[in-house]
Amino acid sequence: MFEMSEIFKQFKRNSIIKVIFNISCNTVMYDDLHQKITNLEKNILQIEDNMVEFERLKYEDGIKKSTQQLESNLKYLSVLANGTPTDKKEDRRIMDFLRIHYNNLQRL
């Protein structure tokens, strides 16, 4: 049978392991979310470039599909940005990006 001190040591060690595990998971999750945000920003810029080209070629279907995809990606980026723990500088940059590209969407 375990002594109380041994049980306490086991509990304490398991708690430390749980804390380390949670920190590791949070770091991986944050990196994954940050990468998704970066990829979405690149994708949004690419869609806007495609839309300029579609307008030049008068390709209406391409413009329509790109507009829908752009709107969807901006909404998803907004959701991710609001749920991601970032520093103030990064948060400001993302919000400025969203504002600029929502304005671009409205002009199209």
PDB file of N, CA and C in Angstrom:
ATOM      1  N   MET A   1       0.835  -1.172   0.000  1.00  0.00           N
ATOM      2  CA  MET A   1       0.000   0.000   0.000  1.00  0.00           C
ATOM      3  C   MET A   1       0.886   1.244   0.000  1.00  0.00           C
ATOM      4  N   PHE A   2       0.435   2.269  -0.735  1.00  0.00           N
ATOM      5  CA  PHE A   2       1.193   3.511  -0.847  1.00  0.00           C
ATOM      6  C   PHE A   2       1.089   4.346   0.411  1.00  0.00           C
ATOM      7  N   GLU A   3       2.147   5.002   0.724  1.00  0.00           N
ATOM      8  CA  GLU A   3       2.110   5.974   1.809  1.00  0.00           C
ATOM      9  C   GLU A   3       1.529   7.275   1.258  1.00  0.00           C
ATOM     10  N   MET A   4       1.052   8.125   2.123  1.00  0.00           N
ATOM     11  CA  MET A   4       0.459   9.396   1.702  1.00  0.00           C
ATOM     12  C   MET A   4       1.479  10.272   0.988  1.00  0.00           C
ATOM     13  N   SER A   5       2.704  10.272   1.447  1.00  0.00           N
ATOM     14  CA  SER A   5       3.723  11.098   0.799  1.00  0.00           C
ATOM     15  C   SER A   5       3.989  10.614  -0.632  1.00  0.00           C
ATOM     16  N   GLU A   6       3.968   9.303  -0.849  1.00  0.00           N
ATOM     17  CA  GLU A   6       4.172   8.742  -2.177  1.00  0.00           C
ATOM     18  C   GLU A   6       3.002   9.107  -3.103  1.00  0.00           C
ATOM     19  N   ILE A   7       1.803   9.032  -2.580  1.00  0.00           N
ATOM     20  CA  ILE A   7       0.616   9.414  -3.366  1.00  0.00           C
ATOM     21  C   ILE A   7       0.698  10.888  -3.741  1.00  0.00           C
ATOM     22  N   PHE A   8       1.092  11.725  -2.808  1.00  0.00           N
ATOM     23  CA  PHE A   8       1.220  13.157  -3.069  1.00  0.00           C
ATOM     24  C   PHE A   8       2.283  13.416  -4.136  1.00  0.00           C
ATOM     25  N   LYS A   9       3.409  12.707  -4.049  1.00  0.00           N
ATOM     26  CA  LYS A   9       4.467  12.876  -5.044  1.00  0.00           C
ATOM     27  C   LYS A   9       3.968  12.487  -6.436  1.00  0.00           C
ATOM     28  N   GLN A  10       3.255  11.384  -6.531  1.00  0.00           N
ATOM     29  CA  GLN A  10       2.703  10.944  -7.815  1.00  0.00           C
ATOM     30  C   GLN A  10       1.730  11.982  -8.371  1.00  0.00           C
ATOM     31  N   PHE A  11       0.865  12.477  -7.505  1.00  0.00           N
ATOM     32  CA  PHE A  11      -0.114  13.480  -7.923  1.00  0.00           C
ATOM     33  C   PHE A  11       0.597  14.744  -8.396  1.00  0.00           C
ATOM     34  N   LYS A  12       1.591  15.171  -7.643  1.00  0.00           N
ATOM     35  CA  LYS A  12       2.327  16.379  -7.988  1.00  0.00           C
ATOM     36  C   LYS A  12       3.055  16.191  -9.311  1.00  0.00           C
ATOM     37  N   ARG A  13       3.695  15.060  -9.520  1.00  0.00           N
ATOM     38  CA  ARG A  13       4.421  14.806 -10.755  1.00  0.00           C
ATOM     39  C   ARG A  13       3.457  14.772 -11.940  1.00  0.00           C
ATOM     40  N   ASN A  14       2.322  14.103 -11.774  1.00  0.00           N
ATOM     41  CA  ASN A  14       1.332  14.045 -12.847  1.00  0.00           C
ATOM     42  C   ASN A  14       0.783  15.426 -13.168  1.00  0.00           C
ATOM     43  N   SER A  15       0.609  16.264 -12.165  1.00  0.00           N
ATOM     44  CA  SER A  15       0.119  17.626 -12.402  1.00  0.00           C
ATOM     45  C   SER A  15       1.122  18.425 -13.206  1.00  0.00           C
ATOM     46  N   ILE A  16       2.394  18.284 -12.893  1.00  0.00           N
ATOM     47  CA  ILE A  16       3.428  18.989 -13.640  1.00  0.00           C
ATOM     48  C   ILE A  16       3.460  18.500 -15.081  1.00  0.00           C
ATOM     49  N   ILE A  17       3.338  17.206 -15.266  1.00  0.00           N
ATOM     50  CA  ILE A  17       3.310  16.644 -16.621  1.00  0.00           C
ATOM     51  C   ILE A  17       2.105  17.190 -17.385  1.00  0.00           C
ATOM     52  N   LYS A  18       0.961  17.267 -16.729  1.00  0.00           N
ATOM     53  CA  LYS A  18      -0.237  17.800 -17.385  1.00  0.00           C
ATOM     54  C   LYS A  18      -0.036  19.251 -17.784  1.00  0.00           C
ATOM     55  N   VAL A  19       0.578  20.039 -16.925  1.00  0.00           N
ATOM     56  CA  VAL A  19       0.829  21.453 -17.233  1.00  0.00           C
ATOM     57  C   VAL A  19       1.769  21.569 -18.429  1.00  0.00           C
ATOM     58  N   ILE A  20       2.846  20.801 -18.427  1.00  0.00           N
ATOM     59  CA  ILE A  20       3.792  20.823 -19.546  1.00  0.00           C
ATOM     60  C   ILE A  20       3.097  20.391 -20.830  1.00  0.00           C
ATOM     61  N   PHE A  21       2.288  19.358 -20.750  1.00  0.00           N
ATOM     62  CA  PHE A  21       1.543  18.880 -21.922  1.00  0.00           C
ATOM     63  C   PHE A  21       0.604  19.962 -22.448  1.00  0.00           C
ATOM     64  N   ASN A  22      -0.130  20.629 -21.556  1.00  0.00           N
ATOM     65  CA  ASN A  22      -1.055  21.689 -21.963  1.00  0.00           C
ATOM     66  C   ASN A  22      -0.322  22.853 -22.613  1.00  0.00           C
ATOM     67  N   ILE A  23       0.822  23.226 -22.054  1.00  0.00           N
ATOM     68  CA  ILE A  23       1.601  24.310 -22.644  1.00  0.00           C
ATOM     69  C   ILE A  23       2.080  23.914 -24.037  1.00  0.00           C
ATOM     70  N   SER A  24       2.547  22.689 -24.180  1.00  0.00           N
ATOM     71  CA  SER A  24       3.013  22.206 -25.484  1.00  0.00           C
ATOM     72  C   SER A  24       1.877  22.202 -26.502  1.00  0.00           C
ATOM     73  N   CYS A  25       0.728  21.731 -26.097  1.00  0.00           N
ATOM     74  CA  CYS A  25      -0.432  21.689 -27.005  1.00  0.00           C
ATOM     75  C   CYS A  25      -0.854  23.092 -27.402  1.00  0.00           C
ATOM     76  N   ASN A  26      -0.867  24.009 -26.448  1.00  0.00           N
ATOM     77  CA  ASN A  26      -1.252  25.388 -26.749  1.00  0.00           C
ATOM     78  C   ASN A  26      -0.273  26.037 -27.712  1.00  0.00           C
ATOM     79  N   THR A  27       1.012  25.749 -27.553  1.00  0.00           N
ATOM     80  CA  THR A  27       2.018  26.312 -28.451  1.00  0.00           C
ATOM     81  C   THR A  27       1.830  25.773 -29.865  1.00  0.00           C
ATOM     82  N   VAL A  28       1.619  24.479 -29.983  1.00  0.00           N
ATOM     83  CA  VAL A  28       1.392  23.874 -31.299  1.00  0.00           C
ATOM     84  C   VAL A  28       0.115  24.428 -31.920  1.00  0.00           C
ATOM     85  N   MET A  29      -0.937  24.548 -31.119  1.00  0.00           N
ATOM     86  CA  MET A  29      -2.198  25.071 -31.623  1.00  0.00           C
ATOM     87  C   MET A  29      -2.037  26.526 -32.076  1.00  0.00           C
ATOM     88  N   TYR A  30      -1.312  27.335 -31.301  1.00  0.00           N
ATOM     89  CA  TYR A  30      -1.088  28.727 -31.674  1.00  0.00           C
ATOM     90  C   TYR A  30      -0.314  28.811 -32.979  1.00  0.00           C
ATOM     91  N   ASP A  31       0.737  28.003 -33.119  1.00  0.00           N
ATOM     92  CA  ASP A  31       1.520  28.000 -34.355  1.00  0.00           C
ATOM     93  C   ASP A  31       0.659  27.594 -35.541  1.00  0.00           C
ATOM     94  N   ASP A  32      -0.204  26.595 -35.343  1.00  0.00           N
ATOM     95  CA  ASP A  32      -1.094  26.138 -36.405  1.00  0.00           C
ATOM     96  C   ASP A  32      -2.072  27.240 -36.808  1.00  0.00           C
ATOM     97  N   LEU A  33      -2.659  27.923 -35.830  1.00  0.00           N
ATOM     98  CA  LEU A  33      -3.589  29.017 -36.125  1.00  0.00           C
ATOM     99  C   LEU A  33      -2.871  30.165 -36.820  1.00  0.00           C
ATOM    100  N   HIS A  34      -1.684  30.481 -36.361  1.00  0.00           N
ATOM    101  CA  HIS A  34      -0.916  31.560 -36.982  1.00  0.00           C
ATOM    102  C   HIS A  34      -0.602  31.217 -38.438  1.00  0.00           C
ATOM    103  N   GLN A  35      -0.272  29.953 -38.693  1.00  0.00           N
ATOM    104  CA  GLN A  35       0.005  29.525 -40.069  1.00  0.00           C
ATOM    105  C   GLN A  35      -1.253  29.600 -40.931  1.00  0.00           C
ATOM    106  N   LYS A  36      -2.398  29.234 -40.373  1.00  0.00           N
ATOM    107  CA  LYS A  36      -3.659  29.342 -41.118  1.00  0.00           C
ATOM    108  C   LYS A  36      -3.958  30.792 -41.466  1.00  0.00           C
ATOM    109  N   ILE A  37      -3.721  31.692 -40.526  1.00  0.00           N
ATOM    110  CA  ILE A  37      -3.957  33.117 -40.779  1.00  0.00           C
ATOM    111  C   ILE A  37      -3.046  33.609 -41.897  1.00  0.00           C
ATOM    112  N   THR A  38      -1.774  33.241 -41.839  1.00  0.00           N
ATOM    113  CA  THR A  38      -0.822  33.648 -42.880  1.00  0.00           C
ATOM    114  C   THR A  38      -1.240  33.106 -44.244  1.00  0.00           C
ATOM    115  N   ASN A  39      -1.644  31.845 -44.289  1.00  0.00           N
ATOM    116  CA  ASN A  39      -2.085  31.248 -45.557  1.00  0.00           C
ATOM    117  C   ASN A  39      -3.339  31.924 -46.091  1.00  0.00           C
ATOM    118  N   LEU A  40      -4.276  32.250 -45.211  1.00  0.00           N
ATOM    119  CA  LEU A  40      -5.489  32.945 -45.648  1.00  0.00           C
ATOM    120  C   LEU A  40      -5.168  34.321 -46.215  1.00  0.00           C
ATOM    121  N   GLU A  41      -4.261  35.038 -45.573  1.00  0.00           N
ATOM    122  CA  GLU A  41      -3.879  36.358 -46.084  1.00  0.00           C
ATOM    123  C   GLU A  41      -3.272  36.247 -47.478  1.00  0.00           C
ATOM    124  N   LYS A  42      -2.398  35.270 -47.671  1.00  0.00           N
ATOM    125  CA  LYS A  42      -1.804  35.061 -48.999  1.00  0.00           C
ATOM    126  C   LYS A  42      -2.867  34.692 -50.018  1.00  0.00           C
ATOM    127  N   ASN A  43      -3.806  33.841 -49.614  1.00  0.00           N
ATOM    128  CA  ASN A  43      -4.880  33.417 -50.506  1.00  0.00           C
ATOM    129  C   ASN A  43      -5.774  34.597 -50.892  1.00  0.00           C
ATOM    130  N   ILE A  44      -6.073  35.452 -49.939  1.00  0.00           N
ATOM    131  CA  ILE A  44      -6.904  36.634 -50.205  1.00  0.00           C
ATOM    132  C   ILE A  44      -6.219  37.540 -51.217  1.00  0.00           C
ATOM    133  N   LEU A  45      -4.926  37.765 -51.044  1.00  0.00           N
ATOM    134  CA  LEU A  45      -4.179  38.590 -51.998  1.00  0.00           C
ATOM    135  C   LEU A  45      -4.185  37.970 -53.394  1.00  0.00           C
ATOM    136  N   GLN A  46      -4.060  36.642 -53.459  1.00  0.00           N
ATOM    137  CA  GLN A  46      -4.074  35.954 -54.747  1.00  0.00           C
ATOM    138  C   GLN A  46      -5.443  36.068 -55.422  1.00  0.00           C
ATOM    139  N   ILE A  47      -6.504  35.935 -54.649  1.00  0.00           N
ATOM    140  CA  ILE A  47      -7.857  36.055 -55.204  1.00  0.00           C
ATOM    141  C   ILE A  47      -8.073  37.457 -55.763  1.00  0.00           C
ATOM    142  N   GLU A  48      -7.612  38.462 -55.027  1.00  0.00           N
ATOM    143  CA  GLU A  48      -7.766  39.844 -55.518  1.00  0.00           C
ATOM    144  C   GLU A  48      -6.989  40.062 -56.812  1.00  0.00           C
ATOM    145  N   ASP A  49      -5.791  39.485 -56.917  1.00  0.00           N
ATOM    146  CA  ASP A  49      -5.026  39.574 -58.160  1.00  0.00           C
ATOM    147  C   ASP A  49      -5.772  38.893 -59.303  1.00  0.00           C
ATOM    148  N   ASN A  50      -6.354  37.728 -59.026  1.00  0.00           N
ATOM    149  CA  ASN A  50      -7.136  37.018 -60.046  1.00  0.00           C
ATOM    150  C   ASN A  50      -8.331  37.844 -60.483  1.00  0.00           C
ATOM    151  N   MET A  51      -8.972  38.505 -59.545  1.00  0.00           N
ATOM    152  CA  MET A  51     -10.150  39.306 -59.873  1.00  0.00           C
ATOM    153  C   MET A  51      -9.793  40.468 -60.795  1.00  0.00           C
ATOM    154  N   VAL A  52      -8.652  41.082 -60.568  1.00  0.00           N
ATOM    155  CA  VAL A  52      -8.204  42.161 -61.457  1.00  0.00           C
ATOM    156  C   VAL A  52      -8.013  41.626 -62.866  1.00  0.00           C
ATOM    157  N   GLU A  53      -7.419  40.461 -62.955  1.00  0.00           N
ATOM    158  CA  GLU A  53      -7.209  39.842 -64.266  1.00  0.00           C
ATOM    159  C   GLU A  53      -8.547  39.461 -64.913  1.00  0.00           C
ATOM    160  N   PHE A  54      -9.474  38.919 -64.122  1.00  0.00           N
ATOM    161  CA  PHE A  54     -10.790  38.556 -64.657  1.00  0.00           C
ATOM    162  C   PHE A  54     -11.543  39.791 -65.154  1.00  0.00           C
ATOM    163  N   GLU A  55     -11.427  40.882 -64.435  1.00  0.00           N
ATOM    164  CA  GLU A  55     -12.082  42.120 -64.877  1.00  0.00           C
ATOM    165  C   GLU A  55     -11.493  42.593 -66.195  1.00  0.00           C
ATOM    166  N   ARG A  56     -10.180  42.490 -66.330  1.00  0.00           N
ATOM    167  CA  ARG A  56      -9.523  42.895 -67.572  1.00  0.00           C
ATOM    168  C   ARG A  56      -9.995  42.036 -68.744  1.00  0.00           C
ATOM    169  N   LEU A  57     -10.220  40.742 -68.473  1.00  0.00           N
ATOM    170  CA  LEU A  57     -10.665  39.821 -69.523  1.00  0.00           C
ATOM    171  C   LEU A  57     -12.183  39.767 -69.674  1.00  0.00           C
ATOM    172  N   LYS A  58     -12.891  40.494 -68.800  1.00  0.00           N
ATOM    173  CA  LYS A  58     -14.365  40.501 -68.796  1.00  0.00           C
ATOM    174  C   LYS A  58     -14.944  39.101 -68.561  1.00  0.00           C
ATOM    175  N   TYR A  59     -14.309  38.347 -67.671  1.00  0.00           N
ATOM    176  CA  TYR A  59     -14.718  36.985 -67.342  1.00  0.00           C
ATOM    177  C   TYR A  59     -15.643  37.039 -66.129  1.00  0.00           C
ATOM    178  N   GLU A  60     -16.944  37.140 -66.387  1.00  0.00           N
ATOM    179  CA  GLU A  60     -17.942  37.357 -65.337  1.00  0.00           C
ATOM    180  C   GLU A  60     -18.037  36.193 -64.342  1.00  0.00           C
ATOM    181  N   ASP A  61     -18.007  34.956 -64.835  1.00  0.00           N
ATOM    182  CA  ASP A  61     -18.092  33.805 -63.926  1.00  0.00           C
ATOM    183  C   ASP A  61     -16.916  33.768 -62.958  1.00  0.00           C
ATOM    184  N   GLY A  62     -15.724  34.067 -63.465  1.00  0.00           N
ATOM    185  CA  GLY A  62     -14.538  34.093 -62.615  1.00  0.00           C
ATOM    186  C   GLY A  62     -14.636  35.174 -61.548  1.00  0.00           C
ATOM    187  N   ILE A  63     -15.172  36.324 -61.940  1.00  0.00           N
ATOM    188  CA  ILE A  63     -15.342  37.430 -60.988  1.00  0.00           C
ATOM    189  C   ILE A  63     -16.335  37.036 -59.902  1.00  0.00           C
ATOM    190  N   LYS A  64     -17.435  36.417 -60.311  1.00  0.00           N
ATOM    191  CA  LYS A  64     -18.471  36.025 -59.352  1.00  0.00           C
ATOM    192  C   LYS A  64     -17.944  34.986 -58.358  1.00  0.00           C
ATOM    193  N   LYS A  65     -17.289  33.953 -58.874  1.00  0.00           N
ATOM    194  CA  LYS A  65     -16.750  32.902 -58.001  1.00  0.00           C
ATOM    195  C   LYS A  65     -15.668  33.461 -57.069  1.00  0.00           C
ATOM    196  N   SER A  66     -14.823  34.305 -57.611  1.00  0.00           N
ATOM    197  CA  SER A  66     -13.754  34.887 -56.799  1.00  0.00           C
ATOM    198  C   SER A  66     -14.310  35.795 -55.713  1.00  0.00           C
ATOM    199  N   THR A  67     -15.373  36.535 -56.038  1.00  0.00           N
ATOM    200  CA  THR A  67     -16.009  37.405 -55.046  1.00  0.00           C
ATOM    201  C   THR A  67     -16.562  36.581 -53.890  1.00  0.00           C
ATOM    202  N   GLN A  68     -17.224  35.484 -54.218  1.00  0.00           N
ATOM    203  CA  GLN A  68     -17.765  34.606 -53.169  1.00  0.00           C
ATOM    204  C   GLN A  68     -16.651  33.986 -52.334  1.00  0.00           C
ATOM    205  N   GLN A  69     -15.588  33.551 -52.985  1.00  0.00           N
ATOM    206  CA  GLN A  69     -14.466  32.948 -52.274  1.00  0.00           C
ATOM    207  C   GLN A  69     -13.754  33.980 -51.403  1.00  0.00           C
ATOM    208  N   LEU A  70     -13.611  35.193 -51.909  1.00  0.00           N
ATOM    209  CA  LEU A  70     -12.971  36.263 -51.150  1.00  0.00           C
ATOM    210  C   LEU A  70     -13.780  36.606 -49.905  1.00  0.00           C
ATOM    211  N   GLU A  71     -15.077  36.714 -50.070  1.00  0.00           N
ATOM    212  CA  GLU A  71     -15.940  37.020 -48.925  1.00  0.00           C
ATOM    213  C   GLU A  71     -15.860  35.913 -47.875  1.00  0.00           C
ATOM    214  N   SER A  72     -15.883  34.680 -48.323  1.00  0.00           N
ATOM    215  CA  SER A  72     -15.790  33.542 -47.406  1.00  0.00           C
ATOM    216  C   SER A  72     -14.462  33.537 -46.659  1.00  0.00           C
ATOM    217  N   ASN A  73     -13.368  33.764 -47.370  1.00  0.00           N
ATOM    218  CA  ASN A  73     -12.051  33.769 -46.735  1.00  0.00           C
ATOM    219  C   ASN A  73     -11.893  34.922 -45.751  1.00  0.00           C
ATOM    220  N   LEU A  74     -12.455  36.086 -46.076  1.00  0.00           N
ATOM    221  CA  LEU A  74     -12.383  37.221 -45.151  1.00  0.00           C
ATOM    222  C   LEU A  74     -13.158  36.922 -43.865  1.00  0.00           C
ATOM    223  N   LYS A  75     -14.312  36.289 -44.011  1.00  0.00           N
ATOM    224  CA  LYS A  75     -15.091  35.928 -42.821  1.00  0.00           C
ATOM    225  C   LYS A  75     -14.332  34.912 -41.962  1.00  0.00           C
ATOM    226  N   TYR A  76     -13.741  33.910 -42.603  1.00  0.00           N
ATOM    227  CA  TYR A  76     -12.996  32.888 -41.879  1.00  0.00           C
ATOM    228  C   TYR A  76     -11.778  33.500 -41.183  1.00  0.00           C
ATOM    229  N   LEU A  77     -11.090  34.402 -41.870  1.00  0.00           N
ATOM    230  CA  LEU A  77      -9.945  35.077 -41.269  1.00  0.00           C
ATOM    231  C   LEU A  77     -10.374  35.888 -40.051  1.00  0.00           C
ATOM    232  N   SER A  78     -11.507  36.532 -40.147  1.00  0.00           N
ATOM    233  CA  SER A  78     -12.027  37.307 -39.020  1.00  0.00           C
ATOM    234  C   SER A  78     -12.308  36.411 -37.823  1.00  0.00           C
ATOM    235  N   VAL A  79     -12.909  35.267 -38.073  1.00  0.00           N
ATOM    236  CA  VAL A  79     -13.207  34.313 -36.996  1.00  0.00           C
ATOM    237  C   VAL A  79     -11.917  33.813 -36.358  1.00  0.00           C
ATOM    238  N   LEU A  80     -10.956  33.432 -37.186  1.00  0.00           N
ATOM    239  CA  LEU A  80      -9.673  32.952 -36.658  1.00  0.00           C
ATOM    240  C   LEU A  80      -8.953  34.035 -35.863  1.00  0.00           C
ATOM    241  N   ALA A  81      -8.937  35.246 -36.404  1.00  0.00           N
ATOM    242  CA  ALA A  81      -8.222  36.341 -35.745  1.00  0.00           C
ATOM    243  C   ALA A  81      -8.841  36.674 -34.396  1.00  0.00           C
ATOM    244  N   ASN A  82     -10.156  36.591 -34.303  1.00  0.00           N
ATOM    245  CA  ASN A  82     -10.813  36.909 -33.038  1.00  0.00           C
ATOM    246  C   ASN A  82     -10.633  35.810 -32.003  1.00  0.00           C
ATOM    247  N   GLY A  83     -10.314  34.604 -32.431  1.00  0.00           N
ATOM    248  CA  GLY A  83     -10.155  33.505 -31.492  1.00  0.00           C
ATOM    249  C   GLY A  83      -8.711  33.146 -31.203  1.00  0.00           C
ATOM    250  N   THR A  84      -7.776  33.878 -31.807  1.00  0.00           N
ATOM    251  CA  THR A  84      -6.368  33.560 -31.644  1.00  0.00           C
ATOM    252  C   THR A  84      -5.721  34.518 -30.657  1.00  0.00           C
ATOM    253  N   PRO A  85      -5.032  33.987 -29.665  1.00  0.00           N
ATOM    254  CA  PRO A  85      -4.322  34.882 -28.745  1.00  0.00           C
ATOM    255  C   PRO A  85      -3.080  35.461 -29.421  1.00  0.00           C
ATOM    256  N   THR A  86      -3.115  36.740 -29.726  1.00  0.00           N
ATOM    257  CA  THR A  86      -1.983  37.407 -30.363  1.00  0.00           C
ATOM    258  C   THR A  86      -1.611  38.641 -29.561  1.00  0.00           C
ATOM    259  N   ASP A  87      -0.433  39.144 -29.831  1.00  0.00           N
ATOM    260  CA  ASP A  87      -0.061  40.392 -29.177  1.00  0.00           C
ATOM    261  C   ASP A  87      -0.769  41.550 -29.874  1.00  0.00           C
ATOM    262  N   LYS A  88      -0.722  42.720 -29.271  1.00  0.00           N
ATOM    263  CA  LYS A  88      -1.476  43.866 -29.798  1.00  0.00           C
ATOM    264  C   LYS A  88      -1.020  44.265 -31.193  1.00  0.00           C
ATOM    265  N   LYS A  89       0.267  44.201 -31.436  1.00  0.00           N
ATOM    266  CA  LYS A  89       0.804  44.597 -32.742  1.00  0.00           C
ATOM    267  C   LYS A  89       0.299  43.672 -33.841  1.00  0.00           C
ATOM    268  N   GLU A  90       0.346  42.383 -33.590  1.00  0.00           N
ATOM    269  CA  GLU A  90      -0.139  41.386 -34.562  1.00  0.00           C
ATOM    270  C   GLU A  90      -1.642  41.514 -34.758  1.00  0.00           C
ATOM    271  N   ASP A  91      -2.368  41.697 -33.682  1.00  0.00           N
ATOM    272  CA  ASP A  91      -3.816  41.861 -33.764  1.00  0.00           C
ATOM    273  C   ASP A  91      -4.169  43.089 -34.596  1.00  0.00           C
ATOM    274  N   ARG A  92      -3.468  44.184 -34.389  1.00  0.00           N
ATOM    275  CA  ARG A  92      -3.706  45.419 -35.151  1.00  0.00           C
ATOM    276  C   ARG A  92      -3.434  45.202 -36.630  1.00  0.00           C
ATOM    277  N   ARG A  93      -2.350  44.473 -36.927  1.00  0.00           N
ATOM    278  CA  ARG A  93      -1.999  44.206 -38.324  1.00  0.00           C
ATOM    279  C   ARG A  93      -3.086  43.397 -39.021  1.00  0.00           C
ATOM    280  N   ILE A  94      -3.592  42.384 -38.340  1.00  0.00           N
ATOM    281  CA  ILE A  94      -4.650  41.544 -38.923  1.00  0.00           C
ATOM    282  C   ILE A  94      -5.928  42.350 -39.117  1.00  0.00           C
ATOM    283  N   MET A  95      -6.287  43.153 -38.132  1.00  0.00           N
ATOM    284  CA  MET A  95      -7.507  43.956 -38.246  1.00  0.00           C
ATOM    285  C   MET A  95      -7.387  44.978 -39.377  1.00  0.00           C
ATOM    286  N   ASP A  96      -6.219  45.587 -39.541  1.00  0.00           N
ATOM    287  CA  ASP A  96      -5.997  46.508 -40.663  1.00  0.00           C
ATOM    288  C   ASP A  96      -6.108  45.772 -41.992  1.00  0.00           C
ATOM    289  N   PHE A  97      -5.533  44.581 -42.055  1.00  0.00           N
ATOM    290  CA  PHE A  97      -5.622  43.768 -43.265  1.00  0.00           C
ATOM    291  C   PHE A  97      -7.088  43.493 -43.609  1.00  0.00           C
ATOM    292  N   LEU A  98      -7.858  43.077 -42.611  1.00  0.00           N
ATOM    293  CA  LEU A  98      -9.279  42.789 -42.838  1.00  0.00           C
ATOM    294  C   LEU A  98     -10.027  44.026 -43.308  1.00  0.00           C
ATOM    295  N   ARG A  99      -9.785  45.150 -42.655  1.00  0.00           N
ATOM    296  CA  ARG A  99     -10.484  46.389 -43.016  1.00  0.00           C
ATOM    297  C   ARG A  99     -10.175  46.773 -44.464  1.00  0.00           C
ATOM    298  N   ILE A 100      -8.916  46.743 -44.825  1.00  0.00           N
ATOM    299  CA  ILE A 100      -8.510  47.126 -46.181  1.00  0.00           C
ATOM    300  C   ILE A 100      -9.155  46.217 -47.214  1.00  0.00           C
ATOM    301  N   HIS A 101      -9.154  44.919 -46.961  1.00  0.00           N
ATOM    302  CA  HIS A 101      -9.642  43.988 -47.971  1.00  0.00           C
ATOM    303  C   HIS A 101     -11.172  43.869 -47.982  1.00  0.00           C
ATOM    304  N   TYR A 102     -11.826  44.155 -46.870  1.00  0.00           N
ATOM    305  CA  TYR A 102     -13.287  44.289 -46.907  1.00  0.00           C
ATOM    306  C   TYR A 102     -13.657  45.515 -47.746  1.00  0.00           C
ATOM    307  N   ASN A 103     -12.919  46.599 -47.586  1.00  0.00           N
ATOM    308  CA  ASN A 103     -13.171  47.790 -48.400  1.00  0.00           C
ATOM    309  C   ASN A 103     -12.953  47.483 -49.872  1.00  0.00           C
ATOM    310  N   ASN A 104     -11.889  46.745 -50.192  1.00  0.00           N
ATOM    311  CA  ASN A 104     -11.649  46.347 -51.581  1.00  0.00           C
ATOM    312  C   ASN A 104     -12.802  45.513 -52.123  1.00  0.00           C
ATOM    313  N   LEU A 105     -13.323  44.617 -51.306  1.00  0.00           N
ATOM    314  CA  LEU A 105     -14.443  43.763 -51.725  1.00  0.00           C
ATOM    315  C   LEU A 105     -15.674  44.614 -52.032  1.00  0.00           C
ATOM    316  N   GLN A 106     -15.938  45.602 -51.199  1.00  0.00           N
ATOM    317  CA  GLN A 106     -17.115  46.448 -51.402  1.00  0.00           C
ATOM    318  C   GLN A 106     -16.988  47.281 -52.685  1.00  0.00           C
ATOM    319  N   ARG A 107     -15.770  47.649 -53.047  1.00  0.00           N
ATOM    320  CA  ARG A 107     -15.565  48.428 -54.268  1.00  0.00           C
ATOM    321  C   ARG A 107     -15.783  47.593 -55.525  1.00  0.00           C
ATOM    322  N   LEU A 108     -15.640  46.264 -55.397  1.00  0.00           N
ATOM    323  CA  LEU A 108     -15.785  45.394 -56.574  1.00  0.00           C
ATOM    324  C   LEU A 108     -17.204  45.131 -56.827  1.00  0.00           C
TER     325      LEU A 108
END
